[in-house]
N, C-alpha and C. Protein backbone atom coordinates (compact mmCIF):
# COMPACT_ATOMS: atom_id res chain seq x y z
N MET A 1 -50.96 37.78 43.37
CA MET A 1 -50.77 36.78 42.84
C MET A 1 -51.37 35.85 41.48
N ILE A 2 -50.63 35.78 40.35
CA ILE A 2 -51.51 35.45 39.40
C ILE A 2 -51.29 33.62 39.33
N LEU A 3 -52.40 33.37 39.37
CA LEU A 3 -52.76 31.59 39.41
C LEU A 3 -52.55 31.30 38.29
N TYR A 4 -52.89 31.16 37.00
CA TYR A 4 -53.02 31.16 35.64
C TYR A 4 -52.95 31.98 34.98
N LYS A 5 -52.10 31.64 33.45
CA LYS A 5 -52.58 32.36 32.20
C LYS A 5 -53.09 31.69 31.42
N ILE A 6 -53.74 32.27 30.11
CA ILE A 6 -54.12 31.58 29.18
C ILE A 6 -53.29 32.32 27.81
N GLY A 7 -51.97 31.60 26.96
CA GLY A 7 -51.69 32.34 25.63
C GLY A 7 -50.86 31.08 24.83
N GLU A 8 -49.99 31.85 24.08
CA GLU A 8 -49.32 30.93 23.17
C GLU A 8 -47.85 30.78 23.74
N ILE A 9 -47.11 29.21 23.69
CA ILE A 9 -46.19 29.29 23.83
C ILE A 9 -44.94 29.74 22.43
N VAL A 10 -44.51 30.39 22.59
CA VAL A 10 -43.54 30.85 21.24
C VAL A 10 -42.60 30.22 21.46
N TYR A 11 -41.62 29.83 21.76
CA TYR A 11 -40.37 29.11 21.64
C TYR A 11 -40.09 28.37 23.34
N LYS A 12 -39.39 27.19 22.75
CA LYS A 12 -38.93 26.69 24.17
C LYS A 12 -37.26 26.04 23.79
N ASN A 13 -36.64 25.73 25.38
CA ASN A 13 -35.39 25.01 25.12
C ASN A 13 -35.54 23.79 25.84
N LYS A 14 -34.68 23.62 26.66
CA LYS A 14 -34.25 22.53 27.00
C LYS A 14 -35.09 22.59 28.98
N THR A 15 -35.21 23.54 29.18
CA THR A 15 -35.97 23.85 30.56
C THR A 15 -36.71 25.28 31.12
N ASN A 16 -37.03 26.06 29.73
CA ASN A 16 -37.52 26.86 30.27
C ASN A 16 -38.41 27.44 29.14
N LEU A 17 -39.95 28.04 28.89
CA LEU A 17 -40.13 28.52 27.59
C LEU A 17 -40.43 29.78 27.58
N ILE A 18 -40.93 30.37 26.06
CA ILE A 18 -41.31 31.51 26.72
C ILE A 18 -42.56 31.63 26.04
N PHE A 19 -43.87 32.42 27.03
CA PHE A 19 -45.35 32.54 27.22
C PHE A 19 -45.78 33.59 26.77
N GLU A 20 -47.01 33.98 25.75
CA GLU A 20 -47.00 35.10 25.40
C GLU A 20 -48.67 35.21 25.60
N ASN A 21 -48.59 36.07 26.63
CA ASN A 21 -49.95 36.70 26.76
C ASN A 21 -50.31 38.18 26.79
N LYS A 22 -50.93 38.45 25.92
CA LYS A 22 -51.32 39.38 25.89
C LYS A 22 -50.88 40.62 25.64
N GLY A 23 -50.17 39.89 24.26
CA GLY A 23 -48.61 40.98 24.00
C GLY A 23 -47.69 41.42 24.90
N ASP A 24 -47.36 40.40 25.76
CA ASP A 24 -46.69 40.26 26.84
C ASP A 24 -45.75 39.09 26.80
N GLY A 25 -44.26 39.05 26.98
CA GLY A 25 -43.57 37.06 27.02
C GLY A 25 -43.46 37.05 28.16
N TYR A 26 -43.60 35.88 28.72
CA TYR A 26 -43.04 35.56 30.00
C TYR A 26 -41.92 34.43 30.13
N ILE A 27 -40.42 34.32 30.72
CA ILE A 27 -40.05 33.02 30.42
C ILE A 27 -40.37 32.79 31.96
N VAL A 28 -40.49 31.35 31.43
CA VAL A 28 -41.09 30.25 32.10
C VAL A 28 -40.37 28.72 32.67
N ASN A 29 -40.11 28.80 33.45
CA ASN A 29 -39.07 27.44 34.10
C ASN A 29 -40.58 26.14 34.12
N VAL A 30 -40.22 25.30 33.52
CA VAL A 30 -40.83 24.17 34.03
C VAL A 30 -40.19 22.88 33.49
N ALA A 31 -41.00 21.75 34.05
CA ALA A 31 -40.67 20.85 34.13
C ALA A 31 -41.19 19.91 33.19
N ASN A 32 -40.84 18.51 32.68
CA ASN A 32 -41.32 17.66 31.78
C ASN A 32 -41.76 18.99 30.02
N ILE A 33 -40.69 19.58 30.14
CA ILE A 33 -40.96 20.41 28.72
C ILE A 33 -41.02 19.91 27.56
N ASP A 34 -41.52 18.83 27.12
CA ASP A 34 -41.67 17.66 26.39
C ASP A 34 -43.48 17.92 26.11
N ARG A 35 -43.96 18.29 27.62
CA ARG A 35 -45.33 18.23 27.28
C ARG A 35 -46.30 19.86 27.02
N PHE A 36 -44.53 20.67 26.44
CA PHE A 36 -45.45 21.77 25.88
C PHE A 36 -44.74 21.89 24.42
N GLU A 37 -45.78 22.27 23.35
CA GLU A 37 -45.79 22.63 22.14
C GLU A 37 -45.61 24.10 21.95
N VAL A 38 -44.35 24.14 21.26
CA VAL A 38 -44.63 25.99 20.44
C VAL A 38 -45.71 25.78 19.18
N GLY A 39 -45.91 27.16 18.94
CA GLY A 39 -47.18 27.42 18.61
C GLY A 39 -48.64 26.93 19.58
N SER A 40 -48.91 26.36 20.46
CA SER A 40 -49.89 25.39 21.02
C SER A 40 -50.23 26.80 21.87
N LYS A 41 -51.74 26.80 22.31
CA LYS A 41 -52.33 27.78 22.91
C LYS A 41 -52.53 26.62 24.45
N CYS A 42 -52.33 27.47 25.54
CA CYS A 42 -52.38 26.66 26.43
C CYS A 42 -53.01 26.94 27.99
N LYS A 43 -53.40 26.78 28.86
CA LYS A 43 -53.24 27.09 30.27
C LYS A 43 -52.08 26.97 30.70
N ILE A 44 -51.18 27.72 31.35
CA ILE A 44 -50.31 27.63 32.39
C ILE A 44 -50.46 27.99 33.80
N TYR A 45 -49.89 27.09 34.94
CA TYR A 45 -50.57 27.85 36.13
C TYR A 45 -48.91 28.13 36.83
N LEU A 46 -49.24 29.30 37.42
CA LEU A 46 -47.43 29.80 37.42
C LEU A 46 -47.49 30.42 39.06
N TYR A 47 -46.27 30.04 39.65
CA TYR A 47 -45.80 30.44 40.55
C TYR A 47 -44.42 31.69 40.77
N GLU A 48 -44.31 32.42 41.32
CA GLU A 48 -43.52 33.33 40.61
C GLU A 48 -42.43 33.42 42.50
N TYR A 49 -41.18 33.10 41.91
CA TYR A 49 -40.67 33.29 43.52
C TYR A 49 -39.71 33.82 43.28
N ILE A 50 -39.97 34.77 44.49
CA ILE A 50 -38.77 36.37 44.34
C ILE A 50 -38.27 36.07 45.53
N THR A 51 -36.52 36.46 45.63
CA THR A 51 -35.77 36.65 46.51
C THR A 51 -35.25 37.67 46.64
N GLU A 52 -34.12 38.02 46.92
CA GLU A 52 -33.61 39.55 47.53
C GLU A 52 -33.23 39.71 46.20
N PHE A 53 -32.51 38.44 45.77
CA PHE A 53 -31.37 38.86 44.21
C PHE A 53 -32.11 38.33 42.88
N TYR A 54 -33.01 37.61 42.79
CA TYR A 54 -33.72 37.27 41.51
C TYR A 54 -34.82 36.97 41.68
N ARG A 55 -35.55 36.69 40.76
CA ARG A 55 -37.54 36.48 40.72
C ARG A 55 -37.50 35.58 39.41
N ASN A 56 -37.57 34.39 39.65
CA ASN A 56 -38.25 33.65 38.67
C ASN A 56 -39.64 33.00 38.58
N ILE A 57 -39.89 32.86 37.28
CA ILE A 57 -41.40 32.30 37.23
C ILE A 57 -41.70 30.69 36.93
N TYR A 58 -42.40 29.96 37.69
CA TYR A 58 -42.52 28.89 37.42
C TYR A 58 -43.64 28.31 36.57
N GLY A 59 -44.17 27.19 36.00
CA GLY A 59 -44.66 26.54 35.02
C GLY A 59 -45.47 25.74 35.61
N PHE A 60 -46.90 25.20 35.04
CA PHE A 60 -47.03 23.79 35.53
C PHE A 60 -48.43 23.64 34.79
N LYS A 61 -48.21 22.30 34.28
CA LYS A 61 -49.39 22.06 33.09
C LYS A 61 -50.34 21.75 33.86
N ASP A 62 -50.80 21.54 35.25
CA ASP A 62 -51.85 21.36 36.16
C ASP A 62 -51.87 21.96 37.28
N PHE A 63 -52.88 22.46 38.21
CA PHE A 63 -53.30 22.67 39.57
C PHE A 63 -52.40 22.07 39.99
N LYS A 64 -52.73 20.79 39.77
CA LYS A 64 -52.31 19.54 41.35
C LYS A 64 -50.62 19.67 41.34
N GLU A 65 -49.86 20.05 40.29
CA GLU A 65 -48.36 20.20 39.84
C GLU A 65 -48.22 21.32 41.06
N ARG A 66 -48.94 22.31 40.76
CA ARG A 66 -48.01 22.90 41.05
C ARG A 66 -48.61 23.43 42.76
N LEU A 67 -49.21 22.75 43.19
CA LEU A 67 -49.95 22.15 44.41
C LEU A 67 -48.66 21.63 44.80
N LEU A 68 -48.07 20.20 44.50
CA LEU A 68 -46.89 19.74 44.73
C LEU A 68 -46.02 20.73 44.94
N PHE A 69 -45.61 21.35 44.02
CA PHE A 69 -44.14 22.10 44.07
C PHE A 69 -44.15 23.15 45.17
N THR A 70 -45.77 23.82 45.74
CA THR A 70 -45.48 24.81 46.60
C THR A 70 -45.27 23.82 48.46
N ASP A 71 -45.99 22.86 48.09
CA ASP A 71 -45.36 21.99 49.28
C ASP A 71 -43.92 22.09 49.28
N LEU A 72 -43.97 21.12 48.31
CA LEU A 72 -41.93 20.51 48.14
C LEU A 72 -41.52 21.94 48.61
N ILE A 73 -41.19 23.11 48.26
CA ILE A 73 -40.66 24.33 48.51
C ILE A 73 -40.73 24.61 50.18
N THR A 74 -41.53 24.09 50.72
CA THR A 74 -42.08 24.39 51.98
C THR A 74 -40.92 23.53 52.94
N VAL A 75 -40.60 22.24 52.35
CA VAL A 75 -39.79 21.60 53.25
C VAL A 75 -38.21 22.25 53.30
N GLU A 76 -37.52 21.86 54.50
CA GLU A 76 -36.18 22.58 54.67
C GLU A 76 -35.07 22.13 53.52
N LYS A 77 -34.31 22.90 53.24
CA LYS A 77 -33.24 22.83 52.52
C LYS A 77 -33.64 22.43 51.06
N ILE A 78 -34.90 21.82 50.64
CA ILE A 78 -36.19 22.32 49.55
C ILE A 78 -36.17 23.56 48.75
N GLY A 79 -35.16 23.94 47.81
CA GLY A 79 -35.71 25.04 47.12
C GLY A 79 -36.55 25.05 45.61
N PRO A 80 -36.72 25.85 44.89
CA PRO A 80 -37.52 25.89 44.07
C PRO A 80 -36.53 24.83 42.95
N LYS A 81 -35.15 25.08 42.93
CA LYS A 81 -34.94 24.31 41.27
C LYS A 81 -34.92 22.70 42.14
N VAL A 82 -34.78 22.12 43.40
CA VAL A 82 -34.69 21.47 43.82
C VAL A 82 -36.30 20.39 43.48
N ALA A 83 -37.39 21.17 43.74
CA ALA A 83 -38.51 20.87 43.85
C ALA A 83 -38.76 21.31 42.25
N MET A 84 -38.15 21.24 41.22
CA MET A 84 -38.37 20.80 40.17
C MET A 84 -38.21 19.81 39.30
N ASN A 85 -36.73 19.57 39.80
CA ASN A 85 -36.33 18.11 39.41
C ASN A 85 -36.85 17.34 40.28
N ILE A 86 -37.27 17.09 41.09
CA ILE A 86 -38.40 16.25 41.51
C ILE A 86 -39.69 16.23 40.68
N LEU A 87 -40.13 17.43 40.12
CA LEU A 87 -40.87 16.94 39.37
C LEU A 87 -40.95 16.41 37.94
N GLU A 88 -39.36 16.73 37.35
CA GLU A 88 -39.07 16.52 36.45
C GLU A 88 -39.00 14.64 35.96
N LYS A 89 -38.73 14.17 37.25
CA LYS A 89 -38.15 13.13 37.52
C LYS A 89 -39.59 11.88 37.41
N GLY A 90 -40.65 12.68 38.44
CA GLY A 90 -41.94 11.91 37.70
C GLY A 90 -43.04 12.07 39.55
N TRP A 91 -44.31 11.76 39.63
CA TRP A 91 -44.55 12.28 40.96
C TRP A 91 -45.65 11.30 40.70
């Protein structure tokens, strides 16, 4: 599992961004998108969530935020989308 990548943010919209690293582009779902600026180089902590039907990458500005996310998704009936909404509201 990849913990983080260092690269450049090349695009962002309301809930996700495109993060480029060594020529590869990743669509990354993030909370509080305003903390990320297009054109900036940064380190993004990643969590890859894979099910039978889809695969999503969630990104975090720091390691503590990623840890909270992983703790939240272990709670029954809290999936990644709800966990991201909780992070969006502030912790």
